[in-house]
């Protein structure tokens, strides 16, 4: 099995070819979309009681919005990815009003000890339950069950010359980064993992990631 380190040597040898999205068989792309639709629909159906309970808990906690819309990018342009709100109301305003906090956030687009996260939000994040509403994004065709990380337009610049490669596929609810590193790795390694996934994507790889994801989520490994 290739590693991210192996991939770096391969990319160096290939020159500019690593920037070209690899061709994918039409049948494999269609099967991936079918898998997305079936699994997202079943996921929403079976998790509906959990979705209702979480919605009530988030609302009752401080009376604020239940959902948070994260403005992200994809192959068809920007879209709003749905999440259960895990931060206090006005969290974005707090970030923009604090230069030191904003500078720290812009390094990795994550804050390890983020005081804006509510007690309920912390528990949701630990087991990725805040991301369940993204199953609707999968149904809408904006996301896939498995893909590179979901990123904002501001994060895109960190991908440098690999920006077109990243935007050639839909972001995923889970992915190579989520099962291999989670939050315990640096941003450059995240970029390398996303590039590795896009260039080596197969249905077998997607299925392996899907089977690994529940265990990672249950353990709450590297989540914050």
N, C-alpha and C. Protein backbone atom coordinates (compact mmCIF):
# COMPACT_ATOMS: atom_id res chain seq x y z
N UNK A 1 0.84 -1.21 0.00
CA UNK A 1 0.00 0.00 0.00
C UNK A 1 0.87 1.26 0.00
N UNK A 2 0.54 2.22 -0.83
CA UNK A 2 1.31 3.47 -0.89
C UNK A 2 1.12 4.27 0.38
N UNK A 3 2.12 5.05 0.72
CA UNK A 3 2.01 5.99 1.84
C UNK A 3 2.09 7.40 1.29
N UNK A 4 1.78 8.38 2.14
CA UNK A 4 1.86 9.77 1.72
C UNK A 4 3.30 10.12 1.36
N UNK A 5 4.27 9.55 2.09
CA UNK A 5 5.67 9.80 1.79
C UNK A 5 6.02 9.27 0.40
N UNK A 6 5.52 8.06 0.07
CA UNK A 6 5.74 7.50 -1.27
C UNK A 6 5.19 8.44 -2.32
N UNK A 7 4.02 8.98 -2.06
CA UNK A 7 3.35 9.84 -3.01
C UNK A 7 4.18 11.08 -3.32
N UNK A 8 4.87 11.63 -2.34
CA UNK A 8 5.67 12.82 -2.56
C UNK A 8 6.79 12.53 -3.56
N UNK A 9 7.40 11.34 -3.47
CA UNK A 9 8.46 10.97 -4.41
C UNK A 9 7.89 10.77 -5.81
N UNK A 10 6.71 10.19 -5.89
CA UNK A 10 6.06 9.96 -7.18
C UNK A 10 5.73 11.28 -7.85
N UNK A 11 5.18 12.22 -7.08
CA UNK A 11 4.82 13.51 -7.64
C UNK A 11 6.05 14.27 -8.14
N UNK A 12 7.13 14.15 -7.41
CA UNK A 12 8.34 14.84 -7.83
C UNK A 12 8.85 14.30 -9.16
N UNK A 13 8.71 12.99 -9.36
CA UNK A 13 9.18 12.36 -10.58
C UNK A 13 8.28 12.67 -11.77
N UNK A 14 7.01 12.93 -11.50
CA UNK A 14 6.05 13.13 -12.58
C UNK A 14 6.01 14.56 -13.10
N UNK A 15 6.65 15.49 -12.40
CA UNK A 15 6.62 16.88 -12.84
C UNK A 15 5.24 17.46 -12.70
N UNK A 16 4.69 18.03 -13.79
CA UNK A 16 3.40 18.71 -13.72
C UNK A 16 2.21 17.81 -13.84
N UNK A 17 2.42 16.53 -14.13
CA UNK A 17 1.29 15.63 -14.35
C UNK A 17 0.46 15.41 -13.10
N UNK A 18 1.05 15.69 -11.92
CA UNK A 18 0.29 15.49 -10.68
C UNK A 18 -0.83 16.50 -10.53
N UNK A 19 -0.83 17.55 -11.38
CA UNK A 19 -1.86 18.58 -11.29
C UNK A 19 -3.08 18.24 -12.14
N UNK A 20 -2.98 17.19 -12.94
CA UNK A 20 -4.08 16.80 -13.82
C UNK A 20 -4.94 15.75 -13.13
N UNK A 21 -6.24 16.01 -12.93
CA UNK A 21 -7.10 15.01 -12.29
C UNK A 21 -7.08 13.71 -13.09
N UNK A 22 -6.84 12.58 -12.45
CA UNK A 22 -6.80 11.31 -13.16
C UNK A 22 -8.17 10.95 -13.75
N UNK A 23 -8.17 10.28 -14.90
CA UNK A 23 -9.42 9.85 -15.53
C UNK A 23 -10.06 8.75 -14.69
N UNK A 24 -11.37 8.81 -14.56
CA UNK A 24 -12.10 7.81 -13.78
C UNK A 24 -13.16 7.18 -14.66
N UNK A 25 -13.29 5.85 -14.62
CA UNK A 25 -14.32 5.18 -15.44
C UNK A 25 -15.71 5.71 -15.10
N UNK A 26 -16.53 5.91 -16.13
CA UNK A 26 -17.88 6.44 -15.92
C UNK A 26 -18.69 5.53 -15.00
N UNK A 27 -18.51 4.21 -15.14
CA UNK A 27 -19.28 3.28 -14.31
C UNK A 27 -18.91 3.42 -12.84
N UNK A 28 -17.61 3.70 -12.55
CA UNK A 28 -17.17 3.84 -11.16
C UNK A 28 -17.72 5.13 -10.55
N UNK A 29 -17.75 6.21 -11.34
CA UNK A 29 -18.31 7.48 -10.87
C UNK A 29 -19.80 7.33 -10.59
N UNK A 30 -20.51 6.63 -11.49
CA UNK A 30 -21.94 6.41 -11.31
C UNK A 30 -22.22 5.55 -10.08
N UNK A 31 -21.38 4.54 -9.86
CA UNK A 31 -21.56 3.66 -8.70
C UNK A 31 -21.27 4.40 -7.40
N UNK A 32 -20.29 5.29 -7.44
CA UNK A 32 -19.98 6.11 -6.25
C UNK A 32 -21.17 6.99 -5.90
N UNK A 33 -21.79 7.60 -6.91
CA UNK A 33 -22.95 8.46 -6.68
C UNK A 33 -24.13 7.63 -6.16
N UNK A 34 -24.32 6.45 -6.69
CA UNK A 34 -25.39 5.57 -6.22
C UNK A 34 -25.18 5.21 -4.75
N UNK A 35 -23.93 4.90 -4.41
CA UNK A 35 -23.59 4.58 -3.02
C UNK A 35 -23.88 5.76 -2.12
N UNK A 36 -23.55 6.96 -2.59
CA UNK A 36 -23.82 8.18 -1.82
C UNK A 36 -25.31 8.33 -1.54
N UNK A 37 -26.12 8.19 -2.59
CA UNK A 37 -27.57 8.38 -2.45
C UNK A 37 -28.19 7.36 -1.51
N UNK A 38 -27.85 6.11 -1.70
CA UNK A 38 -28.45 5.03 -0.90
C UNK A 38 -28.03 5.16 0.57
N UNK A 39 -26.74 5.34 0.81
CA UNK A 39 -26.25 5.39 2.19
C UNK A 39 -26.70 6.66 2.91
N UNK A 40 -26.75 7.80 2.19
CA UNK A 40 -27.21 9.04 2.81
C UNK A 40 -28.68 8.96 3.18
N UNK A 41 -29.48 8.39 2.28
CA UNK A 41 -30.92 8.25 2.54
C UNK A 41 -31.15 7.32 3.73
N UNK A 42 -30.45 6.18 3.76
CA UNK A 42 -30.60 5.24 4.87
C UNK A 42 -30.07 5.85 6.17
N UNK A 43 -28.97 6.59 6.06
CA UNK A 43 -28.39 7.23 7.24
C UNK A 43 -29.34 8.23 7.87
N UNK A 44 -29.98 9.04 7.03
CA UNK A 44 -30.94 10.02 7.55
C UNK A 44 -32.17 9.34 8.15
N UNK A 45 -32.61 8.27 7.51
CA UNK A 45 -33.79 7.56 7.99
C UNK A 45 -33.54 6.94 9.37
N UNK A 46 -32.42 6.24 9.52
CA UNK A 46 -32.14 5.54 10.77
C UNK A 46 -31.65 6.47 11.88
N UNK A 47 -31.07 7.61 11.50
CA UNK A 47 -30.56 8.53 12.52
C UNK A 47 -31.54 9.65 12.86
N UNK A 48 -32.74 9.60 12.26
CA UNK A 48 -33.71 10.68 12.50
C UNK A 48 -34.03 10.90 13.98
N UNK A 49 -34.18 9.84 14.81
CA UNK A 49 -34.42 10.10 16.23
C UNK A 49 -33.24 10.84 16.88
N UNK A 50 -32.02 10.47 16.50
CA UNK A 50 -30.82 11.13 17.05
C UNK A 50 -30.78 12.59 16.60
N UNK A 51 -31.12 12.83 15.33
CA UNK A 51 -31.13 14.20 14.81
C UNK A 51 -32.12 15.07 15.58
N UNK A 52 -33.27 14.52 15.91
CA UNK A 52 -34.29 15.27 16.64
C UNK A 52 -33.83 15.59 18.06
N UNK A 53 -33.21 14.61 18.72
CA UNK A 53 -32.72 14.81 20.09
C UNK A 53 -31.63 15.87 20.12
N UNK A 54 -30.67 15.77 19.19
CA UNK A 54 -29.58 16.74 19.14
C UNK A 54 -30.12 18.13 18.84
N UNK A 55 -31.07 18.22 17.93
CA UNK A 55 -31.68 19.52 17.60
C UNK A 55 -32.28 20.16 18.84
N UNK A 56 -33.00 19.36 19.62
CA UNK A 56 -33.63 19.87 20.83
C UNK A 56 -32.59 20.33 21.85
N UNK A 57 -31.51 19.53 22.02
CA UNK A 57 -30.48 19.87 22.99
C UNK A 57 -29.77 21.17 22.63
N UNK A 58 -29.45 21.33 21.35
CA UNK A 58 -28.76 22.54 20.90
C UNK A 58 -29.65 23.77 21.10
N UNK A 59 -30.93 23.62 20.78
CA UNK A 59 -31.87 24.74 20.90
C UNK A 59 -32.12 25.13 22.35
N UNK A 60 -32.32 24.13 23.18
CA UNK A 60 -32.64 24.39 24.59
C UNK A 60 -31.44 25.00 25.33
N UNK A 61 -30.24 24.63 24.91
CA UNK A 61 -29.03 25.08 25.63
C UNK A 61 -28.95 26.60 25.73
N UNK A 62 -29.12 27.30 24.61
CA UNK A 62 -29.01 28.77 24.68
C UNK A 62 -30.02 29.49 23.79
N UNK A 63 -30.93 28.74 23.19
CA UNK A 63 -31.97 29.36 22.38
C UNK A 63 -31.51 29.83 21.01
N UNK A 64 -30.25 29.58 20.66
CA UNK A 64 -29.71 30.02 19.37
C UNK A 64 -30.09 29.08 18.24
N UNK A 65 -29.57 29.35 17.05
CA UNK A 65 -29.88 28.49 15.89
C UNK A 65 -29.43 27.05 16.12
N UNK A 66 -30.16 26.12 15.53
CA UNK A 66 -29.81 24.70 15.65
C UNK A 66 -28.65 24.36 14.70
N UNK A 67 -28.71 24.91 13.50
CA UNK A 67 -27.71 24.57 12.49
C UNK A 67 -26.74 25.72 12.24
N UNK A 68 -25.56 25.33 11.81
CA UNK A 68 -24.55 26.28 11.38
C UNK A 68 -24.24 25.99 9.91
N UNK A 69 -24.27 27.02 9.07
CA UNK A 69 -23.97 26.85 7.65
C UNK A 69 -22.53 27.27 7.40
N UNK A 70 -21.72 26.31 7.06
CA UNK A 70 -20.32 26.61 6.76
C UNK A 70 -20.18 26.80 5.26
N UNK A 71 -19.70 27.98 4.87
CA UNK A 71 -19.58 28.32 3.45
C UNK A 71 -18.29 27.71 2.91
N UNK A 72 -18.42 26.67 2.08
CA UNK A 72 -17.26 25.94 1.59
C UNK A 72 -17.25 25.89 0.07
N UNK A 73 -16.18 25.31 -0.49
CA UNK A 73 -16.04 25.25 -1.94
C UNK A 73 -16.11 23.80 -2.43
N UNK A 74 -16.54 23.66 -3.70
CA UNK A 74 -16.63 22.35 -4.32
C UNK A 74 -16.50 22.47 -5.82
N UNK A 75 -16.60 21.36 -6.56
CA UNK A 75 -16.44 21.38 -8.01
C UNK A 75 -17.43 22.29 -8.73
N UNK A 76 -18.63 22.44 -8.16
CA UNK A 76 -19.66 23.26 -8.80
C UNK A 76 -19.74 24.67 -8.21
N UNK A 77 -18.75 25.03 -7.39
CA UNK A 77 -18.74 26.36 -6.79
C UNK A 77 -19.01 26.32 -5.29
N UNK A 78 -19.13 27.48 -4.66
CA UNK A 78 -19.37 27.54 -3.21
C UNK A 78 -20.75 26.99 -2.85
N UNK A 79 -20.86 26.45 -1.64
CA UNK A 79 -22.15 26.01 -1.12
C UNK A 79 -22.10 26.02 0.40
N UNK A 80 -23.26 25.93 1.01
CA UNK A 80 -23.36 25.89 2.47
C UNK A 80 -23.43 24.44 2.95
N UNK A 81 -22.45 24.04 3.74
CA UNK A 81 -22.45 22.71 4.34
C UNK A 81 -23.13 22.81 5.71
N UNK A 82 -24.10 21.95 5.96
CA UNK A 82 -24.87 22.00 7.20
C UNK A 82 -24.16 21.26 8.33
N UNK A 83 -24.18 21.88 9.51
CA UNK A 83 -23.65 21.24 10.71
C UNK A 83 -24.55 21.62 11.88
N UNK A 84 -24.60 20.76 12.89
CA UNK A 84 -25.23 21.19 14.13
C UNK A 84 -24.33 22.24 14.75
N UNK A 85 -24.92 23.32 15.23
CA UNK A 85 -24.13 24.38 15.84
C UNK A 85 -23.46 23.86 17.10
N UNK A 86 -22.15 23.95 17.14
CA UNK A 86 -21.40 23.48 18.31
C UNK A 86 -20.75 24.62 19.07
N UNK A 87 -20.90 25.84 18.57
CA UNK A 87 -20.31 27.00 19.23
C UNK A 87 -21.40 27.93 19.75
N UNK A 88 -20.98 28.86 20.59
CA UNK A 88 -21.91 29.85 21.12
C UNK A 88 -22.40 30.74 19.98
N UNK A 89 -23.54 31.35 20.16
CA UNK A 89 -24.06 32.28 19.17
C UNK A 89 -23.08 33.45 19.01
N UNK A 90 -22.86 33.87 17.77
CA UNK A 90 -21.93 34.96 17.52
C UNK A 90 -20.48 34.55 17.56
N UNK A 91 -20.20 33.25 17.37
CA UNK A 91 -18.82 32.76 17.46
C UNK A 91 -17.92 33.39 16.40
N UNK A 92 -18.45 33.58 15.19
CA UNK A 92 -17.65 34.18 14.12
C UNK A 92 -17.28 35.62 14.45
N UNK A 93 -18.22 36.35 15.05
CA UNK A 93 -17.95 37.74 15.43
C UNK A 93 -16.86 37.80 16.49
N UNK A 94 -16.87 36.85 17.42
CA UNK A 94 -15.85 36.79 18.47
C UNK A 94 -14.47 36.57 17.85
N UNK A 95 -14.41 35.69 16.86
CA UNK A 95 -13.14 35.40 16.18
C UNK A 95 -12.61 36.64 15.46
N UNK A 96 -13.46 37.33 14.72
CA UNK A 96 -13.04 38.50 13.95
C UNK A 96 -12.67 39.69 14.84
N UNK A 97 -13.23 39.71 16.05
CA UNK A 97 -12.96 40.82 16.96
C UNK A 97 -11.68 40.62 17.76
N UNK A 98 -11.09 39.42 17.68
CA UNK A 98 -9.89 39.11 18.45
C UNK A 98 -8.74 38.77 17.49
N UNK A 99 -7.85 39.73 17.19
CA UNK A 99 -6.76 39.50 16.23
C UNK A 99 -5.86 38.31 16.57
N UNK A 100 -5.53 38.14 17.84
CA UNK A 100 -4.65 37.04 18.25
C UNK A 100 -5.33 35.69 18.02
N UNK A 101 -6.60 35.63 18.37
CA UNK A 101 -7.37 34.40 18.18
C UNK A 101 -7.50 34.09 16.69
N UNK A 102 -7.75 35.13 15.90
CA UNK A 102 -7.92 34.95 14.46
C UNK A 102 -6.61 34.48 13.80
N UNK A 103 -5.50 35.05 14.26
CA UNK A 103 -4.19 34.64 13.71
C UNK A 103 -3.90 33.18 14.00
N UNK A 104 -4.21 32.76 15.21
CA UNK A 104 -4.01 31.36 15.60
C UNK A 104 -4.91 30.44 14.77
N UNK A 105 -6.14 30.87 14.54
CA UNK A 105 -7.09 30.07 13.77
C UNK A 105 -6.62 29.91 12.32
N UNK A 106 -6.08 30.96 11.75
CA UNK A 106 -5.72 30.95 10.33
C UNK A 106 -4.49 30.10 10.02
N UNK A 107 -3.78 29.66 11.06
CA UNK A 107 -2.63 28.78 10.84
C UNK A 107 -3.09 27.38 10.43
N UNK A 108 -4.09 26.84 11.12
CA UNK A 108 -4.58 25.49 10.83
C UNK A 108 -6.09 25.43 10.62
N UNK A 109 -6.75 26.60 10.71
CA UNK A 109 -8.20 26.68 10.60
C UNK A 109 -8.90 25.78 11.60
N UNK A 110 -8.25 25.61 12.74
CA UNK A 110 -8.78 24.91 13.90
C UNK A 110 -8.15 25.51 15.15
N UNK A 111 -8.90 25.52 16.24
CA UNK A 111 -8.37 25.95 17.53
C UNK A 111 -8.52 24.78 18.49
N UNK A 112 -7.40 24.31 19.03
CA UNK A 112 -7.45 23.12 19.88
C UNK A 112 -8.23 23.35 21.16
N UNK A 113 -8.05 24.51 21.78
CA UNK A 113 -8.78 24.83 23.00
C UNK A 113 -9.67 26.04 22.71
N UNK A 114 -10.72 25.79 21.98
CA UNK A 114 -11.60 26.87 21.51
C UNK A 114 -12.70 27.13 22.55
N UNK A 115 -12.59 28.27 23.23
CA UNK A 115 -13.54 28.60 24.29
C UNK A 115 -14.93 28.93 23.76
N UNK A 116 -15.07 29.06 22.45
CA UNK A 116 -16.38 29.35 21.86
C UNK A 116 -17.27 28.11 21.78
N UNK A 117 -16.67 26.94 21.94
CA UNK A 117 -17.44 25.69 21.83
C UNK A 117 -18.26 25.47 23.09
N UNK A 118 -19.52 25.16 22.91
CA UNK A 118 -20.42 24.92 24.05
C UNK A 118 -20.17 23.52 24.62
N UNK A 119 -20.63 23.26 25.85
CA UNK A 119 -20.46 21.92 26.43
C UNK A 119 -21.11 20.83 25.56
N UNK A 120 -22.29 21.12 25.03
CA UNK A 120 -22.96 20.16 24.15
C UNK A 120 -22.17 20.02 22.85
N UNK A 121 -21.71 21.15 22.33
CA UNK A 121 -20.93 21.13 21.09
C UNK A 121 -19.66 20.31 21.21
N UNK A 122 -19.02 20.36 22.36
CA UNK A 122 -17.80 19.60 22.59
C UNK A 122 -18.07 18.10 22.48
N UNK A 123 -19.20 17.65 23.04
CA UNK A 123 -19.55 16.23 22.97
C UNK A 123 -19.91 15.82 21.54
N UNK A 124 -20.60 16.72 20.85
CA UNK A 124 -20.97 16.44 19.46
C UNK A 124 -19.72 16.31 18.59
N UNK A 125 -18.77 17.21 18.79
CA UNK A 125 -17.55 17.20 17.98
C UNK A 125 -16.69 15.97 18.24
N UNK A 126 -16.66 15.55 19.50
CA UNK A 126 -15.81 14.42 19.86
C UNK A 126 -16.14 13.19 19.03
N UNK A 127 -17.42 13.01 18.75
CA UNK A 127 -17.84 11.84 17.97
C UNK A 127 -18.41 12.22 16.60
N UNK A 128 -18.07 13.44 16.15
CA UNK A 128 -18.46 13.92 14.80
C UNK A 128 -19.96 13.94 14.57
N UNK A 129 -20.75 13.99 15.64
CA UNK A 129 -22.21 14.03 15.49
C UNK A 129 -22.68 15.36 14.93
N UNK A 130 -21.86 16.41 15.09
CA UNK A 130 -22.24 17.72 14.54
C UNK A 130 -22.28 17.71 13.02
N UNK A 131 -21.66 16.70 12.39
CA UNK A 131 -21.59 16.64 10.94
C UNK A 131 -22.70 15.80 10.30
N UNK A 132 -23.56 15.20 11.11
CA UNK A 132 -24.65 14.38 10.57
C UNK A 132 -25.53 15.11 9.55
N UNK A 133 -25.84 16.41 9.76
CA UNK A 133 -26.68 17.11 8.78
C UNK A 133 -26.06 17.19 7.38
N UNK A 134 -24.77 16.92 7.26
CA UNK A 134 -24.14 16.94 5.95
C UNK A 134 -24.62 15.81 5.05
N UNK A 135 -25.35 14.87 5.62
CA UNK A 135 -25.98 13.83 4.79
C UNK A 135 -26.95 14.47 3.80
N UNK A 136 -27.54 15.62 4.18
CA UNK A 136 -28.40 16.35 3.24
C UNK A 136 -27.57 16.91 2.08
N UNK A 137 -26.35 17.37 2.37
CA UNK A 137 -25.47 17.86 1.31
C UNK A 137 -25.09 16.74 0.35
N UNK A 138 -24.94 15.53 0.90
CA UNK A 138 -24.64 14.37 0.05
C UNK A 138 -25.81 14.08 -0.88
N UNK A 139 -27.03 14.11 -0.33
CA UNK A 139 -28.21 13.89 -1.15
C UNK A 139 -28.35 14.94 -2.25
N UNK A 140 -27.98 16.18 -1.94
CA UNK A 140 -28.07 17.27 -2.91
C UNK A 140 -26.98 17.20 -3.98
N UNK A 141 -26.02 16.31 -3.80
CA UNK A 141 -24.95 16.17 -4.78
C UNK A 141 -23.81 17.15 -4.58
N UNK A 142 -23.80 17.87 -3.47
CA UNK A 142 -22.73 18.84 -3.20
C UNK A 142 -21.52 18.18 -2.54
N UNK A 143 -21.77 17.08 -1.84
CA UNK A 143 -20.72 16.35 -1.15
C UNK A 143 -20.83 14.87 -1.48
N UNK A 144 -19.82 14.13 -1.08
CA UNK A 144 -19.82 12.68 -1.23
C UNK A 144 -19.61 12.07 0.15
N UNK A 145 -19.94 10.81 0.32
CA UNK A 145 -19.67 10.15 1.60
C UNK A 145 -18.18 10.17 1.90
N UNK A 146 -17.37 9.93 0.85
CA UNK A 146 -15.91 9.90 1.00
C UNK A 146 -15.31 10.88 0.01
N UNK A 147 -14.36 11.67 0.48
CA UNK A 147 -13.71 12.65 -0.40
C UNK A 147 -12.66 13.42 0.37
N UNK A 148 -12.04 14.40 -0.27
CA UNK A 148 -11.09 15.25 0.46
C UNK A 148 -11.81 16.09 1.50
N UNK A 149 -11.06 16.75 2.35
CA UNK A 149 -11.66 17.54 3.41
C UNK A 149 -12.49 18.69 2.86
N UNK A 150 -13.52 19.02 3.59
CA UNK A 150 -14.35 20.17 3.26
C UNK A 150 -13.61 21.42 3.70
N UNK A 151 -13.37 22.36 2.78
CA UNK A 151 -12.61 23.57 3.13
C UNK A 151 -13.32 24.84 2.65
N UNK A 152 -12.95 25.94 3.28
CA UNK A 152 -13.48 27.24 2.88
C UNK A 152 -12.62 27.84 1.77
N UNK A 153 -13.11 28.91 1.17
CA UNK A 153 -12.34 29.59 0.12
C UNK A 153 -11.02 30.12 0.68
N UNK A 154 -11.02 30.56 1.93
CA UNK A 154 -9.81 31.09 2.55
C UNK A 154 -8.75 30.00 2.70
N UNK A 155 -9.18 28.76 2.96
CA UNK A 155 -8.23 27.66 3.11
C UNK A 155 -7.65 27.21 1.78
N UNK A 156 -8.36 27.46 0.70
CA UNK A 156 -7.97 26.95 -0.61
C UNK A 156 -6.54 27.37 -0.99
N UNK A 157 -6.15 28.58 -0.57
CA UNK A 157 -4.82 29.07 -0.94
C UNK A 157 -3.71 28.21 -0.36
N UNK A 158 -3.99 27.49 0.73
CA UNK A 158 -2.99 26.63 1.33
C UNK A 158 -2.67 25.42 0.43
N UNK A 159 -3.51 25.17 -0.57
CA UNK A 159 -3.28 24.05 -1.47
C UNK A 159 -2.41 24.43 -2.67
N UNK A 160 -2.08 25.73 -2.77
CA UNK A 160 -1.16 26.17 -3.81
C UNK A 160 -1.53 25.66 -5.19
N UNK A 161 -0.55 25.03 -5.86
CA UNK A 161 -0.77 24.55 -7.23
C UNK A 161 -1.77 23.39 -7.31
N UNK A 162 -2.11 22.80 -6.16
CA UNK A 162 -3.04 21.67 -6.15
C UNK A 162 -4.51 22.10 -6.04
N UNK A 163 -4.78 23.39 -6.08
CA UNK A 163 -6.16 23.86 -5.95
C UNK A 163 -7.09 23.24 -7.01
N UNK A 164 -6.72 23.27 -8.31
CA UNK A 164 -7.62 22.68 -9.32
C UNK A 164 -7.84 21.18 -9.09
N UNK A 165 -6.80 20.49 -8.62
CA UNK A 165 -6.92 19.06 -8.36
C UNK A 165 -7.93 18.81 -7.25
N UNK A 166 -7.84 19.60 -6.18
CA UNK A 166 -8.78 19.45 -5.07
C UNK A 166 -10.21 19.73 -5.51
N UNK A 167 -10.40 20.74 -6.35
CA UNK A 167 -11.74 21.14 -6.78
C UNK A 167 -12.30 20.25 -7.88
N UNK A 168 -11.55 19.22 -8.27
CA UNK A 168 -12.04 18.31 -9.31
C UNK A 168 -12.97 17.24 -8.74
N UNK A 169 -13.03 17.13 -7.42
CA UNK A 169 -13.90 16.13 -6.78
C UNK A 169 -14.69 16.78 -5.63
N UNK A 170 -15.76 16.13 -5.25
CA UNK A 170 -16.59 16.65 -4.16
C UNK A 170 -15.92 16.40 -2.81
N UNK A 171 -16.07 17.35 -1.88
CA UNK A 171 -15.56 17.09 -0.53
C UNK A 171 -16.36 15.98 0.12
N UNK A 172 -15.74 15.31 1.10
CA UNK A 172 -16.38 14.15 1.70
C UNK A 172 -16.83 14.35 3.14
N UNK A 173 -17.84 13.59 3.51
CA UNK A 173 -18.28 13.54 4.90
C UNK A 173 -17.20 12.89 5.75
N UNK A 174 -16.51 11.92 5.16
CA UNK A 174 -15.32 11.33 5.76
C UNK A 174 -14.28 11.21 4.65
N UNK A 175 -13.08 10.77 5.01
CA UNK A 175 -12.06 10.68 3.99
C UNK A 175 -10.76 10.10 4.50
N UNK A 176 -9.76 10.12 3.65
CA UNK A 176 -8.44 9.55 3.96
C UNK A 176 -7.83 10.23 5.18
N UNK A 177 -7.93 11.56 5.23
CA UNK A 177 -7.39 12.30 6.36
C UNK A 177 -8.08 11.93 7.66
N UNK A 178 -9.41 11.78 7.62
CA UNK A 178 -10.17 11.50 8.84
C UNK A 178 -9.79 10.16 9.47
N UNK A 179 -9.47 9.16 8.66
CA UNK A 179 -9.16 7.84 9.23
C UNK A 179 -7.67 7.65 9.45
N UNK A 180 -6.82 8.51 8.86
CA UNK A 180 -5.38 8.35 9.01
C UNK A 180 -4.75 9.31 10.01
N UNK A 181 -5.29 10.54 10.09
CA UNK A 181 -4.61 11.50 10.94
C UNK A 181 -5.49 12.32 11.85
N UNK A 182 -6.73 12.64 11.37
CA UNK A 182 -7.62 13.52 12.12
C UNK A 182 -6.91 14.84 12.44
N UNK A 183 -7.10 15.39 13.65
CA UNK A 183 -6.56 16.70 13.97
C UNK A 183 -5.12 16.65 14.50
N UNK A 184 -4.54 15.46 14.56
CA UNK A 184 -3.23 15.33 15.18
C UNK A 184 -2.07 15.62 14.23
N UNK A 185 -2.35 16.02 13.00
CA UNK A 185 -1.29 16.28 12.04
C UNK A 185 -1.33 17.73 11.58
N UNK A 186 -0.23 18.20 11.01
CA UNK A 186 -0.15 19.57 10.55
C UNK A 186 -0.93 19.79 9.27
N UNK A 187 -1.12 21.06 8.92
CA UNK A 187 -1.94 21.38 7.75
C UNK A 187 -1.30 20.89 6.46
N UNK A 188 0.03 20.98 6.34
CA UNK A 188 0.67 20.53 5.11
C UNK A 188 0.45 19.04 4.88
N UNK A 189 0.46 18.26 5.96
CA UNK A 189 0.18 16.83 5.82
C UNK A 189 -1.26 16.58 5.41
N UNK A 190 -2.17 17.43 5.86
CA UNK A 190 -3.56 17.31 5.44
C UNK A 190 -3.65 17.52 3.93
N UNK A 191 -2.94 18.53 3.44
CA UNK A 191 -2.93 18.80 2.00
C UNK A 191 -2.41 17.59 1.24
N UNK A 192 -1.29 17.01 1.71
CA UNK A 192 -0.70 15.85 1.05
C UNK A 192 -1.67 14.67 1.04
N UNK A 193 -2.40 14.49 2.14
CA UNK A 193 -3.35 13.38 2.21
C UNK A 193 -4.51 13.59 1.24
N UNK A 194 -4.98 14.83 1.12
CA UNK A 194 -6.06 15.11 0.17
C UNK A 194 -5.60 14.87 -1.26
N UNK A 195 -4.38 15.32 -1.59
CA UNK A 195 -3.84 15.11 -2.93
C UNK A 195 -3.67 13.62 -3.20
N UNK A 196 -3.18 12.90 -2.21
CA UNK A 196 -3.02 11.44 -2.34
C UNK A 196 -4.36 10.78 -2.64
N UNK A 197 -5.39 11.17 -1.90
CA UNK A 197 -6.71 10.57 -2.11
C UNK A 197 -7.22 10.84 -3.53
N UNK A 198 -7.16 12.08 -3.97
CA UNK A 198 -7.70 12.45 -5.28
C UNK A 198 -6.97 11.68 -6.38
N UNK A 199 -5.66 11.54 -6.27
CA UNK A 199 -4.89 10.89 -7.32
C UNK A 199 -5.01 9.38 -7.29
N UNK A 200 -5.35 8.79 -6.15
CA UNK A 200 -5.39 7.34 -6.04
C UNK A 200 -6.80 6.78 -5.78
N UNK A 201 -7.82 7.61 -5.99
CA UNK A 201 -9.17 7.19 -5.67
C UNK A 201 -9.59 5.93 -6.42
N UNK A 202 -10.18 5.00 -5.67
CA UNK A 202 -10.85 3.83 -6.22
C UNK A 202 -12.06 3.54 -5.34
N UNK A 203 -13.00 2.77 -5.85
CA UNK A 203 -14.15 2.39 -5.03
C UNK A 203 -13.71 1.55 -3.84
N UNK A 204 -12.70 0.71 -4.06
CA UNK A 204 -12.18 -0.11 -2.97
C UNK A 204 -11.62 0.76 -1.85
N UNK A 205 -10.94 1.83 -2.23
CA UNK A 205 -10.39 2.77 -1.24
C UNK A 205 -11.52 3.43 -0.46
N UNK A 206 -12.57 3.85 -1.16
CA UNK A 206 -13.73 4.47 -0.50
C UNK A 206 -14.36 3.51 0.51
N UNK A 207 -14.55 2.26 0.11
CA UNK A 207 -15.18 1.28 0.99
C UNK A 207 -14.31 1.03 2.22
N UNK A 208 -13.00 0.98 2.03
CA UNK A 208 -12.10 0.77 3.17
C UNK A 208 -12.21 1.94 4.15
N UNK A 209 -12.28 3.16 3.62
CA UNK A 209 -12.40 4.35 4.49
C UNK A 209 -13.75 4.33 5.22
N UNK A 210 -14.81 3.95 4.52
CA UNK A 210 -16.13 3.90 5.14
C UNK A 210 -16.17 2.89 6.28
N UNK A 211 -15.50 1.75 6.11
CA UNK A 211 -15.48 0.74 7.16
C UNK A 211 -14.61 1.16 8.35
N UNK A 212 -13.59 1.98 8.10
CA UNK A 212 -12.71 2.43 9.18
C UNK A 212 -13.30 3.59 9.97
N UNK A 213 -14.17 4.37 9.33
CA UNK A 213 -14.68 5.59 9.94
C UNK A 213 -15.44 5.37 11.25
N UNK A 214 -16.40 4.41 11.33
CA UNK A 214 -17.16 4.26 12.59
C UNK A 214 -16.27 4.02 13.80
N UNK A 215 -15.21 3.22 13.64
CA UNK A 215 -14.33 2.95 14.77
C UNK A 215 -13.60 4.22 15.20
N UNK A 216 -13.12 5.00 14.24
CA UNK A 216 -12.45 6.25 14.56
C UNK A 216 -13.39 7.22 15.27
N UNK A 217 -14.64 7.27 14.79
CA UNK A 217 -15.63 8.18 15.38
C UNK A 217 -15.98 7.76 16.81
N UNK A 218 -16.18 6.46 17.02
CA UNK A 218 -16.51 5.97 18.35
C UNK A 218 -15.39 6.24 19.35
N UNK A 219 -14.15 6.13 18.88
CA UNK A 219 -13.01 6.38 19.77
C UNK A 219 -12.81 7.88 20.02
N UNK A 220 -13.38 8.72 19.13
CA UNK A 220 -13.18 10.15 19.28
C UNK A 220 -11.72 10.52 19.11
N UNK A 221 -11.02 9.76 18.29
CA UNK A 221 -9.56 9.90 18.12
C UNK A 221 -9.20 11.18 17.40
N UNK A 222 -8.41 12.04 18.03
CA UNK A 222 -7.92 13.25 17.39
C UNK A 222 -8.97 14.29 17.08
N UNK A 223 -10.14 14.19 17.69
CA UNK A 223 -11.22 15.15 17.40
C UNK A 223 -11.25 16.26 18.45
N UNK A 224 -11.48 17.49 17.96
CA UNK A 224 -11.69 18.62 18.89
C UNK A 224 -12.37 19.74 18.14
